[in-house]
Amino acid sequence: MNSSPSYRITPWVGRIIIANAVVLLLLMTLFTSRDLFQALEFSPWTALTRPWTFVSYMFVHAGLLHLFGNMLMLFVFGTAVESRMGSRNFLLYYLFCGVGAAVFSLLLARVMPVGAFVGASGAVLGVAVAFAMFWPDAELIVFPIPVPIKARTLVIGLVVLDAIGSRLWPGDGIAHLAHVGGALFGYLFFRAQLLSQRSAAPPARVERVVMVQSGSAEPERQTPVTPMRPRRGIESDPVAAEVDRVLDKISEKGISSLTPAERSFLDEVAKQKKQDH
């Protein structure tokens, strides 16, 4: 995985750009029927009877300027994100954000007016959220602003502008709420990942564990010195007492100081613990 943004065009970013361009070309030349356009757009009022529109609307644009703006953003943010996530995961994430934008609009339509819309903006803004999550401090130049803006600040600003625009200019022909929905679902995706990682994390209690590989050909590494703990009596648990002695020896002199018998003893103890668990 890359640790810094990459701006080399990646497989699915290229394919999505081509697919959107081809669809616009076909709708402007061969398939100019208004009925077909309406069959592909997303409308909260007909979405449940036209379930394909949860996906199809993402590949339909209202014109060249609309297409260019979305695909430029996809290239800027998507190439780096796909390089980081991998092509398959990126495609699933892109579709997840696009469908999420439609679902968000469908839910809001129950409490406020939401018109029909087309375009990849919701999915693209979700990709921008991923970029900001991976590289929050990456600096971007946004024309005509003369100073660089951090990715996190830029994405938060875009979402805030869309949220404000949905209230101040509800009839401007821009699907502000769909943009917010795509960003929201992108953020929820990363939050869910973070929660799953926390739930899968080992418990806070940590016991001292020593991994020994007999006959290792690796160069010797200096073993950090760890505090010696009180030695348990041989009468109470002779095996535990011997383990303490060997571990203390490793702490003082390093793992190379162990005899073959001591290495074999630790191997047997480790195997026994695995069987007990």
C-alpha atoms as a PDB file:
ATOM      1  CA  MET A   1       0.000   0.000   0.000  1.00  0.00           C
ATOM      2  CA  ASN A   2       1.210   3.490  -0.823  1.00  0.00           C
ATOM      3  CA  SER A   3       1.726   5.941   2.025  1.00  0.00           C
ATOM      4  CA  SER A   4       1.464   9.119  -0.072  1.00  0.00           C
ATOM      5  CA  PRO A   5      -0.892  10.301  -2.822  1.00  0.00           C
ATOM      6  CA  SER A   6      -0.245   9.133  -6.367  1.00  0.00           C
ATOM      7  CA  TYR A   7      -1.625  10.939  -9.413  1.00  0.00           C
ATOM      8  CA  ARG A   8      -1.074   8.240 -11.988  1.00  0.00           C
ATOM      9  CA  ILE A   9      -4.335   7.207 -13.618  1.00  0.00           C
ATOM     10  CA  THR A  10      -5.469   3.858 -12.262  1.00  0.00           C
ATOM     11  CA  PRO A  11      -7.542   1.087 -13.903  1.00  0.00           C
ATOM     12  CA  TRP A  12     -11.004   1.773 -12.495  1.00  0.00           C
ATOM     13  CA  VAL A  13     -10.664   5.544 -12.505  1.00  0.00           C
ATOM     14  CA  GLY A  14      -9.870   5.325 -16.214  1.00  0.00           C
ATOM     15  CA  ARG A  15     -12.743   2.926 -16.889  1.00  0.00           C
ATOM     16  CA  ILE A  16     -15.264   5.040 -14.983  1.00  0.00           C
ATOM     17  CA  ILE A  17     -14.202   8.168 -16.880  1.00  0.00           C
ATOM     18  CA  ILE A  18     -14.516   6.341 -20.207  1.00  0.00           C
ATOM     19  CA  ALA A  19     -17.908   4.861 -19.265  1.00  0.00           C
ATOM     20  CA  ASN A  20     -19.307   8.259 -18.298  1.00  0.00           C
ATOM     21  CA  ALA A  21     -17.968   9.878 -21.471  1.00  0.00           C
ATOM     22  CA  VAL A  22     -19.425   7.123 -23.672  1.00  0.00           C
ATOM     23  CA  VAL A  23     -22.837   7.363 -22.000  1.00  0.00           C
ATOM     24  CA  LEU A  24     -22.948  11.134 -22.491  1.00  0.00           C
ATOM     25  CA  LEU A  25     -21.890  10.782 -26.123  1.00  0.00           C
ATOM     26  CA  LEU A  26     -24.614   8.196 -26.784  1.00  0.00           C
ATOM     27  CA  LEU A  27     -27.289  10.275 -25.066  1.00  0.00           C
ATOM     28  CA  MET A  28     -26.278  13.355 -27.075  1.00  0.00           C
ATOM     29  CA  THR A  29     -26.163  11.585 -30.470  1.00  0.00           C
ATOM     30  CA  LEU A  30     -27.997   8.275 -30.846  1.00  0.00           C
ATOM     31  CA  PHE A  31     -30.326   8.027 -27.846  1.00  0.00           C
ATOM     32  CA  THR A  32     -31.690  11.530 -27.506  1.00  0.00           C
ATOM     33  CA  SER A  33     -35.132  10.542 -26.189  1.00  0.00           C
ATOM     34  CA  ARG A  34     -36.168  12.411 -23.061  1.00  0.00           C
ATOM     35  CA  ASP A  35     -37.965   9.275 -21.891  1.00  0.00           C
ATOM     36  CA  LEU A  36     -34.679   7.338 -21.831  1.00  0.00           C
ATOM     37  CA  PHE A  37     -32.963  10.093 -19.862  1.00  0.00           C
ATOM     38  CA  GLN A  38     -35.760  10.039 -17.295  1.00  0.00           C
ATOM     39  CA  ALA A  39     -35.563   6.245 -17.097  1.00  0.00           C
ATOM     40  CA  LEU A  40     -31.907   6.507 -16.069  1.00  0.00           C
ATOM     41  CA  GLU A  41     -32.077   9.457 -13.671  1.00  0.00           C
ATOM     42  CA  PHE A  42     -32.742   8.994  -9.964  1.00  0.00           C
ATOM     43  CA  SER A  43     -36.029  10.264  -8.629  1.00  0.00           C
ATOM     44  CA  PRO A  44     -37.121   9.568  -5.035  1.00  0.00           C
ATOM     45  CA  TRP A  45     -40.710   9.261  -6.243  1.00  0.00           C
ATOM     46  CA  THR A  46     -40.062   6.466  -8.747  1.00  0.00           C
ATOM     47  CA  ALA A  47     -36.904   4.875  -7.314  1.00  0.00           C
ATOM     48  CA  LEU A  48     -38.607   1.880  -5.734  1.00  0.00           C
ATOM     49  CA  THR A  49     -40.276   0.957  -9.028  1.00  0.00           C
ATOM     50  CA  ARG A  50     -37.036   1.615 -10.953  1.00  0.00           C
ATOM     51  CA  PRO A  51     -34.346   0.093  -8.715  1.00  0.00           C
ATOM     52  CA  TRP A  52     -31.677   0.265 -11.448  1.00  0.00           C
ATOM     53  CA  THR A  53     -31.670   4.037 -11.088  1.00  0.00           C
ATOM     54  CA  PHE A  54     -29.778   3.714  -7.777  1.00  0.00           C
ATOM     55  CA  VAL A  55     -26.754   2.954  -9.998  1.00  0.00           C
ATOM     56  CA  SER A  56     -27.601   4.215 -13.493  1.00  0.00           C
ATOM     57  CA  TYR A  57     -27.920   7.879 -12.484  1.00  0.00           C
ATOM     58  CA  MET A  58     -24.186   7.928 -11.618  1.00  0.00           C
ATOM     59  CA  PHE A  59     -23.259   7.442 -15.286  1.00  0.00           C
ATOM     60  CA  VAL A  60     -25.578  10.096 -16.721  1.00  0.00           C
ATOM     61  CA  HIS A  61     -24.616  13.779 -16.913  1.00  0.00           C
ATOM     62  CA  ALA A  62     -26.479  16.892 -17.949  1.00  0.00           C
ATOM     63  CA  GLY A  63     -23.773  18.121 -20.313  1.00  0.00           C
ATOM     64  CA  LEU A  64     -20.060  18.385 -21.072  1.00  0.00           C
ATOM     65  CA  LEU A  65     -19.324  20.869 -18.269  1.00  0.00           C
ATOM     66  CA  HIS A  66     -21.094  18.660 -15.726  1.00  0.00           C
ATOM     67  CA  LEU A  67     -19.135  15.629 -16.938  1.00  0.00           C
ATOM     68  CA  PHE A  68     -15.803  17.473 -17.009  1.00  0.00           C
ATOM     69  CA  GLY A  69     -16.134  18.781 -13.453  1.00  0.00           C
ATOM     70  CA  ASN A  70     -16.982  15.394 -11.984  1.00  0.00           C
ATOM     71  CA  MET A  71     -14.354  13.467 -13.929  1.00  0.00           C
ATOM     72  CA  LEU A  72     -11.652  16.009 -13.082  1.00  0.00           C
ATOM     73  CA  MET A  73     -12.401  15.549  -9.386  1.00  0.00           C
ATOM     74  CA  LEU A  74     -12.467  11.782  -9.837  1.00  0.00           C
ATOM     75  CA  PHE A  75      -9.030  11.887 -11.446  1.00  0.00           C
ATOM     76  CA  VAL A  76      -7.539  14.172  -8.777  1.00  0.00           C
ATOM     77  CA  PHE A  77      -8.843  12.190  -5.807  1.00  0.00           C
ATOM     78  CA  GLY A  78      -9.613   8.771  -7.254  1.00  0.00           C
ATOM     79  CA  THR A  79      -6.215   7.794  -8.637  1.00  0.00           C
ATOM     80  CA  ALA A  80      -4.569   8.161  -5.245  1.00  0.00           C
ATOM     81  CA  VAL A  81      -7.440   6.443  -3.428  1.00  0.00           C
ATOM     82  CA  GLU A  82      -7.526   3.489  -5.830  1.00  0.00           C
ATOM     83  CA  SER A  83      -3.754   3.080  -5.481  1.00  0.00           C
ATOM     84  CA  ARG A  84      -4.196   2.971  -1.707  1.00  0.00           C
ATOM     85  CA  MET A  85      -7.326   0.790  -1.499  1.00  0.00           C
ATOM     86  CA  GLY A  86      -6.732  -1.526  -4.433  1.00  0.00           C
ATOM     87  CA  SER A  87      -8.851  -1.599  -7.595  1.00  0.00           C
ATOM     88  CA  ARG A  88     -11.578  -3.999  -6.441  1.00  0.00           C
ATOM     89  CA  ASN A  89     -12.123  -2.268  -3.096  1.00  0.00           C
ATOM     90  CA  PHE A  90     -12.072   1.123  -4.772  1.00  0.00           C
ATOM     91  CA  LEU A  91     -14.820   0.147  -7.231  1.00  0.00           C
ATOM     92  CA  LEU A  92     -16.993  -1.235  -4.427  1.00  0.00           C
ATOM     93  CA  TYR A  93     -16.398   1.898  -2.363  1.00  0.00           C
ATOM     94  CA  TYR A  94     -17.231   4.174  -5.318  1.00  0.00           C
ATOM     95  CA  LEU A  95     -20.513   2.351  -5.938  1.00  0.00           C
ATOM     96  CA  PHE A  96     -21.260   2.301  -2.210  1.00  0.00           C
ATOM     97  CA  CYS A  97     -20.961   6.090  -2.009  1.00  0.00           C
ATOM     98  CA  GLY A  98     -23.020   6.588  -5.181  1.00  0.00           C
ATOM     99  CA  VAL A  99     -25.816   4.302  -4.010  1.00  0.00           C
ATOM    100  CA  GLY A 100     -25.563   5.877  -0.567  1.00  0.00           C
ATOM    101  CA  ALA A 101     -26.145   9.322  -2.070  1.00  0.00           C
ATOM    102  CA  ALA A 102     -29.356   8.035  -3.677  1.00  0.00           C
ATOM    103  CA  VAL A 103     -30.513   6.323  -0.470  1.00  0.00           C
ATOM    104  CA  PHE A 104     -29.840   9.488   1.539  1.00  0.00           C
ATOM    105  CA  SER A 105     -31.936  11.523  -0.907  1.00  0.00           C
ATOM    106  CA  LEU A 106     -34.711   8.920  -0.801  1.00  0.00           C
ATOM    107  CA  LEU A 107     -34.887   9.154   2.989  1.00  0.00           C
ATOM    108  CA  LEU A 108     -34.853  12.956   2.992  1.00  0.00           C
ATOM    109  CA  ALA A 109     -37.645  13.034   0.421  1.00  0.00           C
ATOM    110  CA  ARG A 110     -40.003  11.867   3.175  1.00  0.00           C
ATOM    111  CA  VAL A 111     -39.547  15.134   5.077  1.00  0.00           C
ATOM    112  CA  MET A 112     -38.558  17.683   2.420  1.00  0.00           C
ATOM    113  CA  PRO A 113     -38.815  18.153  -1.349  1.00  0.00           C
ATOM    114  CA  VAL A 114     -36.062  16.399  -3.306  1.00  0.00           C
ATOM    115  CA  GLY A 115     -36.040  16.515  -7.089  1.00  0.00           C
ATOM    116  CA  ALA A 116     -34.695  14.046  -9.641  1.00  0.00           C
ATOM    117  CA  PHE A 117     -30.977  14.216 -10.373  1.00  0.00           C
ATOM    118  CA  VAL A 118     -28.134  12.674 -12.381  1.00  0.00           C
ATOM    119  CA  GLY A 119     -24.350  12.693 -12.153  1.00  0.00           C
ATOM    120  CA  ALA A 120     -21.448  11.093 -10.332  1.00  0.00           C
ATOM    121  CA  SER A 121     -21.008  13.952  -7.851  1.00  0.00           C
ATOM    122  CA  GLY A 122     -22.173  11.980  -4.814  1.00  0.00           C
ATOM    123  CA  ALA A 123     -19.807   9.090  -5.528  1.00  0.00           C
ATOM    124  CA  VAL A 124     -16.945  11.469  -6.371  1.00  0.00           C
ATOM    125  CA  LEU A 125     -17.372  13.444  -3.154  1.00  0.00           C
ATOM    126  CA  GLY A 126     -17.295  10.125  -1.295  1.00  0.00           C
ATOM    127  CA  VAL A 127     -13.943   9.445  -2.992  1.00  0.00           C
ATOM    128  CA  ALA A 128     -12.770  12.895  -1.894  1.00  0.00           C
ATOM    129  CA  VAL A 129     -13.674  11.951   1.686  1.00  0.00           C
ATOM    130  CA  ALA A 130     -11.508   8.827   1.339  1.00  0.00           C
ATOM    131  CA  PHE A 131      -8.628  10.973   0.098  1.00  0.00           C
ATOM    132  CA  ALA A 132      -8.990  13.276   3.103  1.00  0.00           C
ATOM    133  CA  MET A 133      -9.088  10.288   5.457  1.00  0.00           C
ATOM    134  CA  PHE A 134      -5.895   8.817   3.993  1.00  0.00           C
ATOM    135  CA  TRP A 135      -3.981  12.097   3.504  1.00  0.00           C
ATOM    136  CA  PRO A 136      -5.656  14.790   5.642  1.00  0.00           C
ATOM    137  CA  ASP A 137      -2.651  17.140   5.478  1.00  0.00           C
ATOM    138  CA  ALA A 138      -1.972  16.820   1.738  1.00  0.00           C
ATOM    139  CA  GLU A 139      -1.927  20.325   0.241  1.00  0.00           C
ATOM    140  CA  LEU A 140      -3.993  21.034  -2.883  1.00  0.00           C
ATOM    141  CA  ILE A 141      -4.182  24.060  -5.145  1.00  0.00           C
ATOM    142  CA  VAL A 142      -7.758  25.010  -6.018  1.00  0.00           C
ATOM    143  CA  PHE A 143      -8.115  27.629  -8.757  1.00  0.00           C
ATOM    144  CA  PRO A 144      -8.479  30.585  -8.279  1.00  0.00           C
ATOM    145  CA  ILE A 145      -7.433  30.400  -4.597  1.00  0.00           C
ATOM    146  CA  PRO A 146      -3.727  31.371  -4.568  1.00  0.00           C
ATOM    147  CA  VAL A 147      -2.721  29.401  -1.461  1.00  0.00           C
ATOM    148  CA  PRO A 148      -2.640  25.615  -0.933  1.00  0.00           C
ATOM    149  CA  ILE A 149      -5.469  24.073   1.072  1.00  0.00           C
ATOM    150  CA  LYS A 150      -5.196  20.919   3.142  1.00  0.00           C
ATOM    151  CA  ALA A 151      -7.305  18.029   1.841  1.00  0.00           C
ATOM    152  CA  ARG A 152      -9.261  17.719   5.081  1.00  0.00           C
ATOM    153  CA  THR A 153     -10.143  21.424   5.064  1.00  0.00           C
ATOM    154  CA  LEU A 154     -11.133  21.350   1.403  1.00  0.00           C
ATOM    155  CA  VAL A 155     -13.452  18.353   1.730  1.00  0.00           C
ATOM    156  CA  ILE A 156     -15.117  19.685   4.869  1.00  0.00           C
ATOM    157  CA  GLY A 157     -15.601  22.998   3.080  1.00  0.00           C
ATOM    158  CA  LEU A 158     -17.213  21.311   0.065  1.00  0.00           C
ATOM    159  CA  VAL A 159     -19.652  19.396   2.257  1.00  0.00           C
ATOM    160  CA  VAL A 160     -20.545  22.519   4.243  1.00  0.00           C
ATOM    161  CA  LEU A 161     -21.134  24.490   1.028  1.00  0.00           C
ATOM    162  CA  ASP A 162     -23.435  21.760  -0.287  1.00  0.00           C
ATOM    163  CA  ALA A 163     -25.352  21.660   2.985  1.00  0.00           C
ATOM    164  CA  ILE A 164     -25.801  25.447   2.901  1.00  0.00           C
ATOM    165  CA  GLY A 165     -26.594  25.437  -0.815  1.00  0.00           C
ATOM    166  CA  SER A 166     -29.395  22.923  -0.341  1.00  0.00           C
ATOM    167  CA  ARG A 167     -31.151  25.442   1.901  1.00  0.00           C
ATOM    168  CA  LEU A 168     -30.286  28.738   0.194  1.00  0.00           C
ATOM    169  CA  TRP A 169     -30.551  27.672  -3.463  1.00  0.00           C
ATOM    170  CA  PRO A 170     -32.891  24.662  -3.605  1.00  0.00           C
ATOM    171  CA  GLY A 171     -33.792  25.277  -7.252  1.00  0.00           C
ATOM    172  CA  ASP A 172     -30.337  25.848  -8.746  1.00  0.00           C
ATOM    173  CA  GLY A 173     -30.276  22.483 -10.535  1.00  0.00           C
ATOM    174  CA  ILE A 174     -27.479  21.052  -8.374  1.00  0.00           C
ATOM    175  CA  ALA A 175     -28.136  17.942  -6.288  1.00  0.00           C
ATOM    176  CA  HIS A 176     -26.600  19.329  -3.104  1.00  0.00           C
ATOM    177  CA  LEU A 177     -28.228  16.730  -0.877  1.00  0.00           C
ATOM    178  CA  ALA A 178     -26.936  13.872  -3.014  1.00  0.00           C
ATOM    179  CA  HIS A 179     -23.418  15.280  -2.638  1.00  0.00           C
ATOM    180  CA  VAL A 180     -23.822  15.383   1.132  1.00  0.00           C
ATOM    181  CA  GLY A 181     -25.184  11.837   1.086  1.00  0.00           C
ATOM    182  CA  GLY A 182     -22.191  10.514  -0.841  1.00  0.00           C
ATOM    183  CA  ALA A 183     -19.784  12.203   1.573  1.00  0.00           C
ATOM    184  CA  LEU A 184     -21.740  10.953   4.574  1.00  0.00           C
ATOM    185  CA  PHE A 185     -21.731   7.339   3.393  1.00  0.00           C
ATOM    186  CA  GLY A 186     -18.011   7.583   2.653  1.00  0.00           C
ATOM    187  CA  TYR A 187     -17.364   8.820   6.185  1.00  0.00           C
ATOM    188  CA  LEU A 188     -19.581   6.082   7.670  1.00  0.00           C
ATOM    189  CA  PHE A 189     -17.602   3.509   5.689  1.00  0.00           C
ATOM    190  CA  PHE A 190     -14.371   4.547   7.387  1.00  0.00           C
ATOM    191  CA  ARG A 191     -16.008   4.820  10.804  1.00  0.00           C
ATOM    192  CA  ALA A 192     -17.353   1.279  10.460  1.00  0.00           C
ATOM    193  CA  GLN A 193     -13.879   0.048   9.534  1.00  0.00           C
ATOM    194  CA  LEU A 194     -12.386   1.772  12.560  1.00  0.00           C
ATOM    195  CA  LEU A 195     -14.980   0.244  14.891  1.00  0.00           C
ATOM    196  CA  SER A 196     -14.437  -3.233  13.457  1.00  0.00           C
ATOM    197  CA  GLN A 197     -10.681  -2.889  13.978  1.00  0.00           C
ATOM    198  CA  ARG A 198     -11.221  -1.848  17.580  1.00  0.00           C
ATOM    199  CA  SER A 199     -13.553  -4.762  18.272  1.00  0.00           C
ATOM    200  CA  ALA A 200     -11.030  -7.168  16.770  1.00  0.00           C
ATOM    201  CA  ALA A 201      -8.146  -5.753  18.803  1.00  0.00           C
ATOM    202  CA  PRO A 202      -6.654  -7.991  21.539  1.00  0.00           C
ATOM    203  CA  PRO A 203      -7.571  -7.310  25.174  1.00  0.00           C
ATOM    204  CA  ALA A 204      -5.611  -4.660  27.026  1.00  0.00           C
ATOM    205  CA  ARG A 205      -3.980  -7.170  29.416  1.00  0.00           C
ATOM    206  CA  VAL A 206      -0.643  -8.233  27.997  1.00  0.00           C
ATOM    207  CA  GLU A 207       1.507 -11.073  29.229  1.00  0.00           C
ATOM    208  CA  ARG A 208       5.186 -11.443  28.489  1.00  0.00           C
ATOM    209  CA  VAL A 209       5.598 -13.596  25.400  1.00  0.00           C
ATOM    210  CA  VAL A 210       8.882 -14.795  23.965  1.00  0.00           C
ATOM    211  CA  MET A 211       9.005 -16.281  20.483  1.00  0.00           C
ATOM    212  CA  VAL A 212      11.880 -18.704  19.974  1.00  0.00           C
ATOM    213  CA  GLN A 213      12.757 -20.321  16.678  1.00  0.00           C
ATOM    214  CA  SER A 214      15.319 -23.059  17.039  1.00  0.00           C
ATOM    215  CA  GLY A 215      18.171 -22.985  14.581  1.00  0.00           C
ATOM    216  CA  SER A 216      17.255 -19.558  13.204  1.00  0.00           C
ATOM    217  CA  ALA A 217      19.607 -18.274  10.500  1.00  0.00           C
ATOM    218  CA  GLU A 218      18.679 -14.629  11.111  1.00  0.00           C
ATOM    219  CA  PRO A 219      21.354 -12.332  12.544  1.00  0.00           C
ATOM    220  CA  GLU A 220      21.187 -11.829  16.230  1.00  0.00           C
ATOM    221  CA  ARG A 221      19.125  -8.852  17.386  1.00  0.00           C
ATOM    222  CA  GLN A 222      19.704  -7.141  20.673  1.00  0.00           C
ATOM    223  CA  THR A 223      16.860  -8.017  23.021  1.00  0.00           C
ATOM    224  CA  PRO A 224      15.429  -5.112  25.026  1.00  0.00           C
ATOM    225  CA  VAL A 225      15.987  -5.447  28.729  1.00  0.00           C
ATOM    226  CA  THR A 226      12.732  -6.077  30.594  1.00  0.00           C
ATOM    227  CA  PRO A 227      12.245  -5.779  34.342  1.00  0.00           C
ATOM    228  CA  MET A 228      12.714  -9.024  36.253  1.00  0.00           C
ATOM    229  CA  ARG A 229       9.636 -10.135  38.073  1.00  0.00           C
ATOM    230  CA  PRO A 230       9.598 -12.007  41.393  1.00  0.00           C
ATOM    231  CA  ARG A 231      10.642 -15.610  40.904  1.00  0.00           C
ATOM    232  CA  ARG A 232       8.011 -18.193  41.694  1.00  0.00           C
ATOM    233  CA  GLY A 233       9.012 -20.974  44.019  1.00  0.00           C
ATOM    234  CA  ILE A 234      10.025 -24.300  42.544  1.00  0.00           C
ATOM    235  CA  GLU A 235       7.807 -26.118  45.023  1.00  0.00           C
ATOM    236  CA  SER A 236       4.655 -24.336  43.850  1.00  0.00           C
ATOM    237  CA  ASP A 237       5.201 -24.676  40.079  1.00  0.00           C
ATOM    238  CA  PRO A 238       8.545 -25.989  38.854  1.00  0.00           C
ATOM    239  CA  VAL A 239       7.745 -25.449  35.164  1.00  0.00           C
ATOM    240  CA  ALA A 240       6.752 -21.815  35.747  1.00  0.00           C
ATOM    241  CA  ALA A 241       9.857 -21.263  37.824  1.00  0.00           C
ATOM    242  CA  GLU A 242      12.058 -22.642  35.024  1.00  0.00           C
ATOM    243  CA  VAL A 243      10.270 -20.420  32.482  1.00  0.00           C
ATOM    244  CA  ASP A 244      10.991 -17.409  34.702  1.00  0.00           C
ATOM    245  CA  ARG A 245      14.646 -18.372  34.930  1.00  0.00           C
ATOM    246  CA  VAL A 246      15.025 -18.758  31.154  1.00  0.00           C
ATOM    247  CA  LEU A 247      13.185 -15.520  30.408  1.00  0.00           C
ATOM    248  CA  ASP A 248      15.322 -13.640  32.883  1.00  0.00           C
ATOM    249  CA  LYS A 249      18.393 -15.086  31.209  1.00  0.00           C
ATOM    250  CA  ILE A 250      17.169 -13.784  27.844  1.00  0.00           C
ATOM    251  CA  SER A 251      16.567 -10.349  29.387  1.00  0.00           C
ATOM    252  CA  GLU A 252      20.079 -10.211  30.813  1.00  0.00           C
ATOM    253  CA  LYS A 253      22.221 -11.860  28.115  1.00  0.00           C
ATOM    254  CA  GLY A 254      20.100 -12.108  24.962  1.00  0.00           C
ATOM    255  CA  ILE A 255      18.469 -15.062  23.259  1.00  0.00           C
ATOM    256  CA  SER A 256      21.776 -16.333  21.854  1.00  0.00           C
ATOM    257  CA  SER A 257      22.853 -17.231  25.383  1.00  0.00           C
ATOM    258  CA  LEU A 258      20.304 -20.060  25.612  1.00  0.00           C
ATOM    259  CA  THR A 259      21.516 -23.612  25.435  1.00  0.00           C
ATOM    260  CA  PRO A 260      19.869 -26.091  23.019  1.00  0.00           C
ATOM    261  CA  ALA A 261      18.111 -27.661  25.971  1.00  0.00           C
ATOM    262  CA  GLU A 262      16.700 -24.332  27.110  1.00  0.00           C
ATOM    263  CA  ARG A 263      15.483 -23.549  23.581  1.00  0.00           C
ATOM    264  CA  SER A 264      13.829 -26.947  23.382  1.00  0.00           C
ATOM    265  CA  PHE A 265      12.202 -26.358  26.765  1.00  0.00           C
ATOM    266  CA  LEU A 266      10.685 -23.050  25.646  1.00  0.00           C
ATOM    267  CA  ASP A 267       9.426 -24.643  22.433  1.00  0.00           C
ATOM    268  CA  GLU A 268       7.657 -27.355  24.417  1.00  0.00           C
ATOM    269  CA  VAL A 269       6.102 -24.822  26.798  1.00  0.00           C
ATOM    270  CA  ALA A 270       4.856 -22.742  23.858  1.00  0.00           C
ATOM    271  CA  LYS A 271       3.294 -25.797  22.199  1.00  0.00           C
ATOM    272  CA  GLN A 272       1.608 -26.791  25.434  1.00  0.00           C
ATOM    273  CA  LYS A 273       0.118 -23.300  25.870  1.00  0.00           C
ATOM    274  CA  LYS A 274      -1.271 -23.382  22.327  1.00  0.00           C
ATOM    275  CA  GLN A 275      -2.927 -26.742  23.013  1.00  0.00           C
ATOM    276  CA  ASP A 276      -4.405 -25.440  26.291  1.00  0.00           C
ATOM    277  CA  HIS A 277      -5.961 -22.449  24.482  1.00  0.00           C
END
